[in-house]
Amino acid sequence: MNKRHCEALAVETPVPQIEPIAVRISDAVRLIGLGRSKIYELIASGELEIVKVGSATLIPVANLRKLITG
């Protein structure tokens, strides 16, 4: 294969998107459109479960979906 043919294949080949299983709070704010304070309120009330990994606070995406879909 020549270089031009390889470049054409690279452009046409879709790259599969990998969905995260958990996101940081800043990402959760962007994903669901709630404010940072509201996210922390939901965590404090137990309505939104988190996972601590070292000092990182992660929110499982499944928990965000559950919160939104009820």
PDB file of N, CA and C in Angstrom:
ATOM      1  N   MET A   1       0.824  -1.179   0.000  1.00  0.00           N
ATOM      2  CA  MET A   1       0.000   0.000   0.000  1.00  0.00           C
ATOM      3  C   MET A   1       0.869   1.243   0.000  1.00  0.00           C
ATOM      4  N   ASN A   2       0.415   2.216  -0.740  1.00  0.00           N
ATOM      5  CA  ASN A   2       1.161   3.462  -0.719  1.00  0.00           C
ATOM      6  C   ASN A   2       0.634   4.363   0.393  1.00  0.00           C
ATOM      7  N   LYS A   3       1.338   5.438   0.650  1.00  0.00           N
ATOM      8  CA  LYS A   3       0.992   6.327   1.767  1.00  0.00           C
ATOM      9  C   LYS A   3      -0.398   6.940   1.589  1.00  0.00           C
ATOM     10  N   ARG A   4      -0.730   7.344   0.376  1.00  0.00           N
ATOM     11  CA  ARG A   4      -2.026   7.970   0.120  1.00  0.00           C
ATOM     12  C   ARG A   4      -3.166   6.993   0.405  1.00  0.00           C
ATOM     13  N   HIS A   5      -2.993   5.722   0.018  1.00  0.00           N
ATOM     14  CA  HIS A   5      -4.022   4.715   0.268  1.00  0.00           C
ATOM     15  C   HIS A   5      -4.197   4.481   1.775  1.00  0.00           C
ATOM     16  N   CYS A   6      -3.108   4.447   2.522  1.00  0.00           N
ATOM     17  CA  CYS A   6      -3.169   4.262   3.978  1.00  0.00           C
ATOM     18  C   CYS A   6      -3.885   5.434   4.638  1.00  0.00           C
ATOM     19  N   GLU A   7      -3.609   6.648   4.195  1.00  0.00           N
ATOM     20  CA  GLU A   7      -4.271   7.817   4.759  1.00  0.00           C
ATOM     21  C   GLU A   7      -5.767   7.782   4.487  1.00  0.00           C
ATOM     22  N   ALA A   8      -6.159   7.350   3.317  1.00  0.00           N
ATOM     23  CA  ALA A   8      -7.575   7.249   2.972  1.00  0.00           C
ATOM     24  C   ALA A   8      -8.265   6.225   3.865  1.00  0.00           C
ATOM     25  N   LEU A   9      -7.620   5.120   4.134  1.00  0.00           N
ATOM     26  CA  LEU A   9      -8.200   4.100   5.015  1.00  0.00           C
ATOM     27  C   LEU A   9      -8.352   4.634   6.431  1.00  0.00           C
ATOM     28  N   ALA A  10      -7.373   5.386   6.893  1.00  0.00           N
ATOM     29  CA  ALA A  10      -7.424   5.921   8.246  1.00  0.00           C
ATOM     30  C   ALA A  10      -8.581   6.899   8.402  1.00  0.00           C
ATOM     31  N   VAL A  11      -8.877   7.667   7.394  1.00  0.00           N
ATOM     32  CA  VAL A  11      -9.953   8.642   7.452  1.00  0.00           C
ATOM     33  C   VAL A  11     -11.306   7.937   7.445  1.00  0.00           C
ATOM     34  N   GLU A  12     -11.437   6.879   6.684  1.00  0.00           N
ATOM     35  CA  GLU A  12     -12.712   6.191   6.522  1.00  0.00           C
ATOM     36  C   GLU A  12     -13.032   5.230   7.657  1.00  0.00           C
ATOM     37  N   THR A  13     -12.037   4.793   8.405  1.00  0.00           N
ATOM     38  CA  THR A  13     -12.254   3.823   9.463  1.00  0.00           C
ATOM     39  C   THR A  13     -12.748   4.535  10.717  1.00  0.00           C
ATOM     40  N   PRO A  14     -14.001   4.253  11.143  1.00  0.00           N
ATOM     41  CA  PRO A  14     -14.507   4.921  12.345  1.00  0.00           C
ATOM     42  C   PRO A  14     -13.802   4.415  13.600  1.00  0.00           C
ATOM     43  N   VAL A  15     -13.575   5.327  14.503  1.00  0.00           N
ATOM     44  CA  VAL A  15     -12.962   4.978  15.781  1.00  0.00           C
ATOM     45  C   VAL A  15     -14.094   4.794  16.790  1.00  0.00           C
ATOM     46  N   PRO A  16     -14.168   3.613  17.400  1.00  0.00           N
ATOM     47  CA  PRO A  16     -15.260   3.398  18.350  1.00  0.00           C
ATOM     48  C   PRO A  16     -15.132   4.319  19.564  1.00  0.00           C
ATOM     49  N   GLN A  17     -16.256   4.876  19.990  1.00  0.00           N
ATOM     50  CA  GLN A  17     -16.270   5.734  21.161  1.00  0.00           C
ATOM     51  C   GLN A  17     -16.354   4.862  22.414  1.00  0.00           C
ATOM     52  N   ILE A  18     -15.525   5.144  23.378  1.00  0.00           N
ATOM     53  CA  ILE A  18     -15.534   4.410  24.627  1.00  0.00           C
ATOM     54  C   ILE A  18     -16.266   5.263  25.650  1.00  0.00           C
ATOM     55  N   GLU A  19     -17.362   4.739  26.158  1.00  0.00           N
ATOM     56  CA  GLU A  19     -18.137   5.477  27.148  1.00  0.00           C
ATOM     57  C   GLU A  19     -17.528   5.253  28.524  1.00  0.00           C
ATOM     58  N   PRO A  20     -17.287   6.330  29.250  1.00  0.00           N
ATOM     59  CA  PRO A  20     -16.706   6.167  30.586  1.00  0.00           C
ATOM     60  C   PRO A  20     -17.712   5.514  31.538  1.00  0.00           C
ATOM     61  N   ILE A  21     -17.209   4.776  32.513  1.00  0.00           N
ATOM     62  CA  ILE A  21     -18.104   4.188  33.512  1.00  0.00           C
ATOM     63  C   ILE A  21     -18.303   5.127  34.692  1.00  0.00           C
ATOM     64  N   ALA A  22     -17.411   6.105  34.823  1.00  0.00           N
ATOM     65  CA  ALA A  22     -17.541   7.101  35.891  1.00  0.00           C
ATOM     66  C   ALA A  22     -16.904   8.401  35.419  1.00  0.00           C
ATOM     67  N   VAL A  23     -17.411   9.509  35.950  1.00  0.00           N
ATOM     68  CA  VAL A  23     -16.887  10.826  35.575  1.00  0.00           C
ATOM     69  C   VAL A  23     -16.619  11.663  36.822  1.00  0.00           C
ATOM     70  N   ARG A  24     -15.771  12.646  36.688  1.00  0.00           N
ATOM     71  CA  ARG A  24     -15.523  13.591  37.771  1.00  0.00           C
ATOM     72  C   ARG A  24     -16.710  14.542  37.883  1.00  0.00           C
ATOM     73  N   ILE A  25     -16.797  15.233  38.989  1.00  0.00           N
ATOM     74  CA  ILE A  25     -17.926  16.124  39.228  1.00  0.00           C
ATOM     75  C   ILE A  25     -18.025  17.200  38.145  1.00  0.00           C
ATOM     76  N   SER A  26     -16.897  17.756  37.734  1.00  0.00           N
ATOM     77  CA  SER A  26     -16.929  18.794  36.692  1.00  0.00           C
ATOM     78  C   SER A  26     -17.521  18.259  35.386  1.00  0.00           C
ATOM     79  N   ASP A  27     -17.246  17.002  35.071  1.00  0.00           N
ATOM     80  CA  ASP A  27     -17.812  16.388  33.865  1.00  0.00           C
ATOM     81  C   ASP A  27     -19.306  16.113  34.045  1.00  0.00           C
ATOM     82  N   ALA A  28     -19.700  15.710  35.238  1.00  0.00           N
ATOM     83  CA  ALA A  28     -21.114  15.453  35.516  1.00  0.00           C
ATOM     84  C   ALA A  28     -21.930  16.734  35.360  1.00  0.00           C
ATOM     85  N   VAL A  29     -21.366  17.855  35.783  1.00  0.00           N
ATOM     86  CA  VAL A  29     -22.030  19.157  35.645  1.00  0.00           C
ATOM     87  C   VAL A  29     -22.331  19.418  34.169  1.00  0.00           C
ATOM     88  N   ARG A  30     -21.355  19.194  33.314  1.00  0.00           N
ATOM     89  CA  ARG A  30     -21.548  19.418  31.879  1.00  0.00           C
ATOM     90  C   ARG A  30     -22.511  18.402  31.274  1.00  0.00           C
ATOM     91  N   LEU A  31     -22.422  17.154  31.699  1.00  0.00           N
ATOM     92  CA  LEU A  31     -23.259  16.101  31.110  1.00  0.00           C
ATOM     93  C   LEU A  31     -24.743  16.281  31.386  1.00  0.00           C
ATOM     94  N   ILE A  32     -25.087  16.632  32.612  1.00  0.00           N
ATOM     95  CA  ILE A  32     -26.515  16.684  32.945  1.00  0.00           C
ATOM     96  C   ILE A  32     -27.064  18.094  33.111  1.00  0.00           C
ATOM     97  N   GLY A  33     -26.203  19.092  33.063  1.00  0.00           N
ATOM     98  CA  GLY A  33     -26.676  20.470  33.065  1.00  0.00           C
ATOM     99  C   GLY A  33     -27.096  21.026  34.409  1.00  0.00           C
ATOM    100  N   LEU A  34     -26.711  20.368  35.483  1.00  0.00           N
ATOM    101  CA  LEU A  34     -26.970  20.909  36.816  1.00  0.00           C
ATOM    102  C   LEU A  34     -25.736  21.662  37.289  1.00  0.00           C
ATOM    103  N   GLY A  35     -25.931  22.552  38.235  1.00  0.00           N
ATOM    104  CA  GLY A  35     -24.803  23.282  38.792  1.00  0.00           C
ATOM    105  C   GLY A  35     -23.982  22.415  39.736  1.00  0.00           C
ATOM    106  N   ARG A  36     -22.768  22.840  39.940  1.00  0.00           N
ATOM    107  CA  ARG A  36     -21.849  22.124  40.836  1.00  0.00           C
ATOM    108  C   ARG A  36     -22.427  22.008  42.254  1.00  0.00           C
ATOM    109  N   SER A  37     -23.020  23.103  42.751  1.00  0.00           N
ATOM    110  CA  SER A  37     -23.599  23.089  44.099  1.00  0.00           C
ATOM    111  C   SER A  37     -24.729  22.072  44.206  1.00  0.00           C
ATOM    112  N   LYS A  38     -25.559  21.993  43.161  1.00  0.00           N
ATOM    113  CA  LYS A  38     -26.672  21.045  43.166  1.00  0.00           C
ATOM    114  C   LYS A  38     -26.150  19.604  43.162  1.00  0.00           C
ATOM    115  N   ILE A  39     -25.089  19.345  42.417  1.00  0.00           N
ATOM    116  CA  ILE A  39     -24.485  18.012  42.412  1.00  0.00           C
ATOM    117  C   ILE A  39     -24.031  17.653  43.824  1.00  0.00           C
ATOM    118  N   TYR A  40     -23.371  18.583  44.506  1.00  0.00           N
ATOM    119  CA  TYR A  40     -22.910  18.322  45.870  1.00  0.00           C
ATOM    120  C   TYR A  40     -24.092  18.137  46.832  1.00  0.00           C
ATOM    121  N   GLU A  41     -25.174  18.875  46.636  1.00  0.00           N
ATOM    122  CA  GLU A  41     -26.378  18.680  47.457  1.00  0.00           C
ATOM    123  C   GLU A  41     -26.941  17.277  47.271  1.00  0.00           C
ATOM    124  N   LEU A  42     -26.999  16.820  46.027  1.00  0.00           N
ATOM    125  CA  LEU A  42     -27.518  15.477  45.737  1.00  0.00           C
ATOM    126  C   LEU A  42     -26.622  14.400  46.351  1.00  0.00           C
ATOM    127  N   ILE A  43     -25.334  14.635  46.346  1.00  0.00           N
ATOM    128  CA  ILE A  43     -24.389  13.693  46.968  1.00  0.00           C
ATOM    129  C   ILE A  43     -24.608  13.678  48.479  1.00  0.00           C
ATOM    130  N   ALA A  44     -24.705  14.857  49.090  1.00  0.00           N
ATOM    131  CA  ALA A  44     -24.877  14.962  50.549  1.00  0.00           C
ATOM    132  C   ALA A  44     -26.182  14.326  51.012  1.00  0.00           C
ATOM    133  N   SER A  45     -27.229  14.444  50.200  1.00  0.00           N
ATOM    134  CA  SER A  45     -28.533  13.883  50.577  1.00  0.00           C
ATOM    135  C   SER A  45     -28.632  12.381  50.301  1.00  0.00           C
ATOM    136  N   GLY A  46     -27.637  11.836  49.607  1.00  0.00           N
ATOM    137  CA  GLY A  46     -27.661  10.414  49.293  1.00  0.00           C
ATOM    138  C   GLY A  46     -28.407  10.091  48.009  1.00  0.00           C
ATOM    139  N   GLU A  47     -28.909  11.115  47.316  1.00  0.00           N
ATOM    140  CA  GLU A  47     -29.635  10.880  46.061  1.00  0.00           C
ATOM    141  C   GLU A  47     -28.700  10.520  44.910  1.00  0.00           C
ATOM    142  N   LEU A  48     -27.437  10.892  45.038  1.00  0.00           N
ATOM    143  CA  LEU A  48     -26.445  10.602  44.010  1.00  0.00           C
ATOM    144  C   LEU A  48     -25.242   9.960  44.679  1.00  0.00           C
ATOM    145  N   GLU A  49     -24.984   8.719  44.318  1.00  0.00           N
ATOM    146  CA  GLU A  49     -23.873   7.986  44.923  1.00  0.00           C
ATOM    147  C   GLU A  49     -22.573   8.276  44.188  1.00  0.00           C
ATOM    148  N   ILE A  50     -21.512   8.318  44.948  1.00  0.00           N
ATOM    149  CA  ILE A  50     -20.183   8.575  44.401  1.00  0.00           C
ATOM    150  C   ILE A  50     -19.256   7.417  44.733  1.00  0.00           C
ATOM    151  N   VAL A  51     -18.092   7.447  44.091  1.00  0.00           N
ATOM    152  CA  VAL A  51     -17.026   6.500  44.379  1.00  0.00           C
ATOM    153  C   VAL A  51     -15.767   7.318  44.600  1.00  0.00           C
ATOM    154  N   LYS A  52     -15.087   7.084  45.706  1.00  0.00           N
ATOM    155  CA  LYS A  52     -13.820   7.763  45.973  1.00  0.00           C
ATOM    156  C   LYS A  52     -12.683   6.839  45.549  1.00  0.00           C
ATOM    157  N   VAL A  53     -11.770   7.370  44.742  1.00  0.00           N
ATOM    158  CA  VAL A  53     -10.559   6.655  44.347  1.00  0.00           C
ATOM    159  C   VAL A  53      -9.414   7.583  44.707  1.00  0.00           C
ATOM    160  N   GLY A  54      -8.786   7.286  45.826  1.00  0.00           N
ATOM    161  CA  GLY A  54      -7.783   8.206  46.348  1.00  0.00           C
ATOM    162  C   GLY A  54      -8.474   9.508  46.704  1.00  0.00           C
ATOM    163  N   SER A  55      -7.980  10.606  46.168  1.00  0.00           N
ATOM    164  CA  SER A  55      -8.613  11.895  46.438  1.00  0.00           C
ATOM    165  C   SER A  55      -9.651  12.269  45.374  1.00  0.00           C
ATOM    166  N   ALA A  56      -9.762  11.458  44.334  1.00  0.00           N
ATOM    167  CA  ALA A  56     -10.714  11.744  43.252  1.00  0.00           C
ATOM    168  C   ALA A  56     -12.124  11.313  43.647  1.00  0.00           C
ATOM    169  N   THR A  57     -13.083  12.184  43.355  1.00  0.00           N
ATOM    170  CA  THR A  57     -14.489  11.866  43.554  1.00  0.00           C
ATOM    171  C   THR A  57     -15.086  11.568  42.192  1.00  0.00           C
ATOM    172  N   LEU A  58     -15.553  10.356  42.017  1.00  0.00           N
ATOM    173  CA  LEU A  58     -16.123   9.932  40.742  1.00  0.00           C
ATOM    174  C   LEU A  58     -17.598   9.610  40.908  1.00  0.00           C
ATOM    175  N   ILE A  59     -18.359   9.911  39.878  1.00  0.00           N
ATOM    176  CA  ILE A  59     -19.781   9.583  39.868  1.00  0.00           C
ATOM    177  C   ILE A  59     -19.998   8.571  38.742  1.00  0.00           C
ATOM    178  N   PRO A  60     -20.453   7.370  39.077  1.00  0.00           N
ATOM    179  CA  PRO A  60     -20.740   6.398  38.026  1.00  0.00           C
ATOM    180  C   PRO A  60     -21.802   6.943  37.059  1.00  0.00           C
ATOM    181  N   VAL A  61     -21.567   6.788  35.767  1.00  0.00           N
ATOM    182  CA  VAL A  61     -22.497   7.280  34.757  1.00  0.00           C
ATOM    183  C   VAL A  61     -23.861   6.643  34.927  1.00  0.00           C
ATOM    184  N   ALA A  62     -23.912   5.390  35.359  1.00  0.00           N
ATOM    185  CA  ALA A  62     -25.190   4.722  35.598  1.00  0.00           C
ATOM    186  C   ALA A  62     -26.003   5.465  36.659  1.00  0.00           C
ATOM    187  N   ASN A  63     -25.333   6.016  37.665  1.00  0.00           N
ATOM    188  CA  ASN A  63     -26.033   6.777  38.705  1.00  0.00           C
ATOM    189  C   ASN A  63     -26.588   8.095  38.161  1.00  0.00           C
ATOM    190  N   LEU A  64     -25.849   8.720  37.229  1.00  0.00           N
ATOM    191  CA  LEU A  64     -26.356   9.942  36.603  1.00  0.00           C
ATOM    192  C   LEU A  64     -27.592   9.646  35.766  1.00  0.00           C
ATOM    193  N   ARG A  65     -27.536   8.539  35.029  1.00  0.00           N
ATOM    194  CA  ARG A  65     -28.708   8.146  34.214  1.00  0.00           C
ATOM    195  C   ARG A  65     -29.918   7.869  35.103  1.00  0.00           C
ATOM    196  N   LYS A  66     -29.671   7.164  36.199  1.00  0.00           N
ATOM    197  CA  LYS A  66     -30.749   6.830  37.131  1.00  0.00           C
ATOM    198  C   LYS A  66     -31.350   8.100  37.718  1.00  0.00           C
ATOM    199  N   LEU A  67     -30.534   9.079  38.048  1.00  0.00           N
ATOM    200  CA  LEU A  67     -31.009  10.339  38.591  1.00  0.00           C
ATOM    201  C   LEU A  67     -31.912  11.064  37.587  1.00  0.00           C
ATOM    202  N   ILE A  68     -31.491  11.086  36.346  1.00  0.00           N
ATOM    203  CA  ILE A  68     -32.239  11.811  35.316  1.00  0.00           C
ATOM    204  C   ILE A  68     -33.513  11.087  34.905  1.00  0.00           C
ATOM    205  N   THR A  69     -33.451   9.768  34.775  1.00  0.00           N
ATOM    206  CA  THR A  69     -34.615   9.011  34.285  1.00  0.00           C
ATOM    207  C   THR A  69     -35.591   8.668  35.408  1.00  0.00           C
ATOM    208  N   GLY A  70     -35.162   8.824  36.642  1.00  0.00           N
ATOM    209  CA  GLY A  70     -36.046   8.590  37.783  1.00  0.00           C
ATOM    210  C   GLY A  70     -36.112   7.182  38.136  1.00  0.00           C
TER     211      GLY A  70
END
